[in-house]
Amino acid sequence: MTSQIRKGSVVGAGAAINVPVGWIPDYVKVFNITDGTIVYEWTPDFTDGYASRSQNVVDNGVTGNASLGIINANGISAFAGSSTQAKGFTIGSAIAVNAKNLVWVAFRDKP
């Protein structure tokens, strides 16, 4: 198998953002760099609109992750494409908050 990776950035506007990458990802990770520590993850095993949310924390000088749970609406979904955009994924409005800078990376294993 050959893996494919795409990365990029978007600025939230309070509405869902379709991110065309040419294929449906096997894994998506979105970093909220405005707030500095929030990380969202998604795989096709999630229900559309769900995402895992965690936060980098420092406890006694050791950096780790603290789970913030699951977003169960307007998180991340597969995007089947349209007549004007290639397949990819959608960053929902729960993540694409107005004026938040988001950096994303999408992976897939290509058979």
C-alpha atoms as a PDB file:
ATOM      1  CA  MET A   1       0.000   0.000   0.000  1.00  0.00           C
ATOM      2  CA  THR A   2       0.996   3.577  -0.620  1.00  0.00           C
ATOM      3  CA  SER A   3       0.004   6.196   1.917  1.00  0.00           C
ATOM      4  CA  GLN A   4      -1.241   9.613   0.944  1.00  0.00           C
ATOM      5  CA  ILE A   5      -1.032  12.697   3.131  1.00  0.00           C
ATOM      6  CA  ARG A   6      -2.448  16.174   2.643  1.00  0.00           C
ATOM      7  CA  LYS A   7      -2.131  19.136   4.986  1.00  0.00           C
ATOM      8  CA  GLY A   8      -3.366  22.676   5.073  1.00  0.00           C
ATOM      9  CA  SER A   9      -4.991  25.410   7.070  1.00  0.00           C
ATOM     10  CA  VAL A  10      -8.305  27.250   7.179  1.00  0.00           C
ATOM     11  CA  VAL A  11      -9.856  30.032   9.217  1.00  0.00           C
ATOM     12  CA  GLY A  12     -13.202  29.298  10.806  1.00  0.00           C
ATOM     13  CA  ALA A  13     -16.190  31.453   9.923  1.00  0.00           C
ATOM     14  CA  GLY A  14     -18.803  29.855  12.163  1.00  0.00           C
ATOM     15  CA  ALA A  15     -20.013  27.503   9.420  1.00  0.00           C
ATOM     16  CA  ALA A  16     -18.948  24.126   8.053  1.00  0.00           C
ATOM     17  CA  ILE A  17     -15.908  24.080   5.762  1.00  0.00           C
ATOM     18  CA  ASN A  18     -15.507  21.456   3.019  1.00  0.00           C
ATOM     19  CA  VAL A  19     -11.858  20.491   2.564  1.00  0.00           C
ATOM     20  CA  PRO A  20     -11.343  18.811  -0.828  1.00  0.00           C
ATOM     21  CA  VAL A  21      -8.277  16.540  -0.880  1.00  0.00           C
ATOM     22  CA  GLY A  22      -9.225  14.210  -3.750  1.00  0.00           C
ATOM     23  CA  TRP A  23     -10.219  11.229  -1.605  1.00  0.00           C
ATOM     24  CA  ILE A  24     -12.050  10.327   1.618  1.00  0.00           C
ATOM     25  CA  PRO A  25      -9.435  10.239   4.418  1.00  0.00           C
ATOM     26  CA  ASP A  26      -8.843   7.292   6.745  1.00  0.00           C
ATOM     27  CA  TYR A  27      -7.781   9.734   9.475  1.00  0.00           C
ATOM     28  CA  VAL A  28      -8.073  13.495  10.031  1.00  0.00           C
ATOM     29  CA  LYS A  29      -6.443  15.586  12.735  1.00  0.00           C
ATOM     30  CA  VAL A  30      -7.345  19.278  13.183  1.00  0.00           C
ATOM     31  CA  PHE A  31      -5.392  21.610  15.460  1.00  0.00           C
ATOM     32  CA  ASN A  32      -6.934  24.832  16.782  1.00  0.00           C
ATOM     33  CA  ILE A  33      -3.816  26.986  16.791  1.00  0.00           C
ATOM     34  CA  THR A  34      -5.644  30.141  17.887  1.00  0.00           C
ATOM     35  CA  ASP A  35      -6.385  28.602  21.268  1.00  0.00           C
ATOM     36  CA  GLY A  36      -3.111  26.715  21.153  1.00  0.00           C
ATOM     37  CA  THR A  37      -3.978  23.370  22.618  1.00  0.00           C
ATOM     38  CA  ILE A  38      -7.235  21.889  21.280  1.00  0.00           C
ATOM     39  CA  VAL A  39      -6.863  18.867  18.979  1.00  0.00           C
ATOM     40  CA  TYR A  40      -9.679  17.105  17.094  1.00  0.00           C
ATOM     41  CA  GLU A  41      -9.393  13.630  15.555  1.00  0.00           C
ATOM     42  CA  TRP A  42     -11.676  11.663  13.238  1.00  0.00           C
ATOM     43  CA  THR A  43     -11.792   8.358  11.375  1.00  0.00           C
ATOM     44  CA  PRO A  44     -14.571   6.953   9.156  1.00  0.00           C
ATOM     45  CA  ASP A  45     -15.507   4.693  12.090  1.00  0.00           C
ATOM     46  CA  PHE A  46     -17.076   7.739  13.768  1.00  0.00           C
ATOM     47  CA  THR A  47     -20.641   8.717  12.985  1.00  0.00           C
ATOM     48  CA  ASP A  48     -20.678  11.733  10.638  1.00  0.00           C
ATOM     49  CA  GLY A  49     -20.323  14.911  12.642  1.00  0.00           C
ATOM     50  CA  TYR A  50     -18.493  13.256  15.528  1.00  0.00           C
ATOM     51  CA  ALA A  51     -14.882  13.949  16.544  1.00  0.00           C
ATOM     52  CA  SER A  52     -12.653  13.133  19.467  1.00  0.00           C
ATOM     53  CA  ARG A  53     -11.448  16.239  21.280  1.00  0.00           C
ATOM     54  CA  SER A  54      -8.388  16.460  23.503  1.00  0.00           C
ATOM     55  CA  GLN A  55      -6.224  19.175  24.974  1.00  0.00           C
ATOM     56  CA  ASN A  56      -2.486  19.288  25.557  1.00  0.00           C
ATOM     57  CA  VAL A  57      -1.863  20.008  29.225  1.00  0.00           C
ATOM     58  CA  VAL A  58       1.177  20.431  31.416  1.00  0.00           C
ATOM     59  CA  ASP A  59       1.100  18.748  34.815  1.00  0.00           C
ATOM     60  CA  ASN A  60       4.189  19.075  37.025  1.00  0.00           C
ATOM     61  CA  GLY A  61       6.288  19.932  33.986  1.00  0.00           C
ATOM     62  CA  VAL A  62       5.187  16.879  31.984  1.00  0.00           C
ATOM     63  CA  THR A  63       3.186  17.468  28.818  1.00  0.00           C
ATOM     64  CA  GLY A  64       0.354  15.064  28.066  1.00  0.00           C
ATOM     65  CA  ASN A  65      -3.181  14.865  26.718  1.00  0.00           C
ATOM     66  CA  ALA A  66      -6.371  15.312  28.672  1.00  0.00           C
ATOM     67  CA  SER A  67      -9.493  13.941  27.071  1.00  0.00           C
ATOM     68  CA  LEU A  68     -12.273  16.454  26.559  1.00  0.00           C
ATOM     69  CA  GLY A  69     -14.600  13.824  25.163  1.00  0.00           C
ATOM     70  CA  ILE A  70     -16.511  13.418  21.956  1.00  0.00           C
ATOM     71  CA  ILE A  71     -18.172  16.078  19.837  1.00  0.00           C
ATOM     72  CA  ASN A  72     -21.378  14.414  18.669  1.00  0.00           C
ATOM     73  CA  ALA A  73     -22.621  17.042  16.218  1.00  0.00           C
ATOM     74  CA  ASN A  74     -20.965  19.385  13.714  1.00  0.00           C
ATOM     75  CA  GLY A  75     -17.507  17.883  14.240  1.00  0.00           C
ATOM     76  CA  ILE A  76     -15.810  16.200  11.260  1.00  0.00           C
ATOM     77  CA  SER A  77     -17.468  14.214   8.457  1.00  0.00           C
ATOM     78  CA  ALA A  78     -16.560  12.581   5.171  1.00  0.00           C
ATOM     79  CA  PHE A  79     -17.262  14.824   2.166  1.00  0.00           C
ATOM     80  CA  ALA A  80     -18.359  12.914  -0.955  1.00  0.00           C
ATOM     81  CA  GLY A  81     -17.494  15.811  -3.236  1.00  0.00           C
ATOM     82  CA  SER A  82     -19.689  17.893  -5.503  1.00  0.00           C
ATOM     83  CA  SER A  83     -19.765  19.113  -9.075  1.00  0.00           C
ATOM     84  CA  THR A  84     -17.214  21.802  -8.132  1.00  0.00           C
ATOM     85  CA  GLN A  85     -15.168  20.189  -5.334  1.00  0.00           C
ATOM     86  CA  ALA A  86     -13.224  16.937  -5.003  1.00  0.00           C
ATOM     87  CA  LYS A  87     -13.857  14.380  -2.254  1.00  0.00           C
ATOM     88  CA  GLY A  88     -12.450  15.088   1.182  1.00  0.00           C
ATOM     89  CA  PHE A  89     -13.800  15.928   4.603  1.00  0.00           C
ATOM     90  CA  THR A  90     -15.901  18.596   6.288  1.00  0.00           C
ATOM     91  CA  ILE A  91     -14.847  20.541   9.366  1.00  0.00           C
ATOM     92  CA  GLY A  92     -18.155  21.271  11.087  1.00  0.00           C
ATOM     93  CA  SER A  93     -19.269  24.463  12.784  1.00  0.00           C
ATOM     94  CA  ALA A  94     -18.475  23.118  16.281  1.00  0.00           C
ATOM     95  CA  ILE A  95     -14.782  23.220  15.263  1.00  0.00           C
ATOM     96  CA  ALA A  96     -14.764  25.962  12.583  1.00  0.00           C
ATOM     97  CA  VAL A  97     -15.585  28.672  15.093  1.00  0.00           C
ATOM     98  CA  ASN A  98     -15.390  32.246  13.780  1.00  0.00           C
ATOM     99  CA  ALA A  99     -11.825  33.594  13.479  1.00  0.00           C
ATOM    100  CA  LYS A 100     -10.154  30.410  14.795  1.00  0.00           C
ATOM    101  CA  ASN A 101      -7.050  29.387  12.848  1.00  0.00           C
ATOM    102  CA  LEU A 102      -7.146  25.655  12.151  1.00  0.00           C
ATOM    103  CA  VAL A 103      -4.339  23.493  10.783  1.00  0.00           C
ATOM    104  CA  TRP A 104      -5.301  20.044   9.488  1.00  0.00           C
ATOM    105  CA  VAL A 105      -3.665  16.878   8.248  1.00  0.00           C
ATOM    106  CA  ALA A 106      -5.470  14.051   6.421  1.00  0.00           C
ATOM    107  CA  PHE A 107      -4.140  10.539   5.738  1.00  0.00           C
ATOM    108  CA  ARG A 108      -5.210   7.509   3.773  1.00  0.00           C
ATOM    109  CA  ASP A 109      -3.743   4.178   2.784  1.00  0.00           C
ATOM    110  CA  LYS A 110      -4.152   3.781  -0.924  1.00  0.00           C
ATOM    111  CA  PRO A 111      -4.486   0.170  -2.102  1.00  0.00           C
END
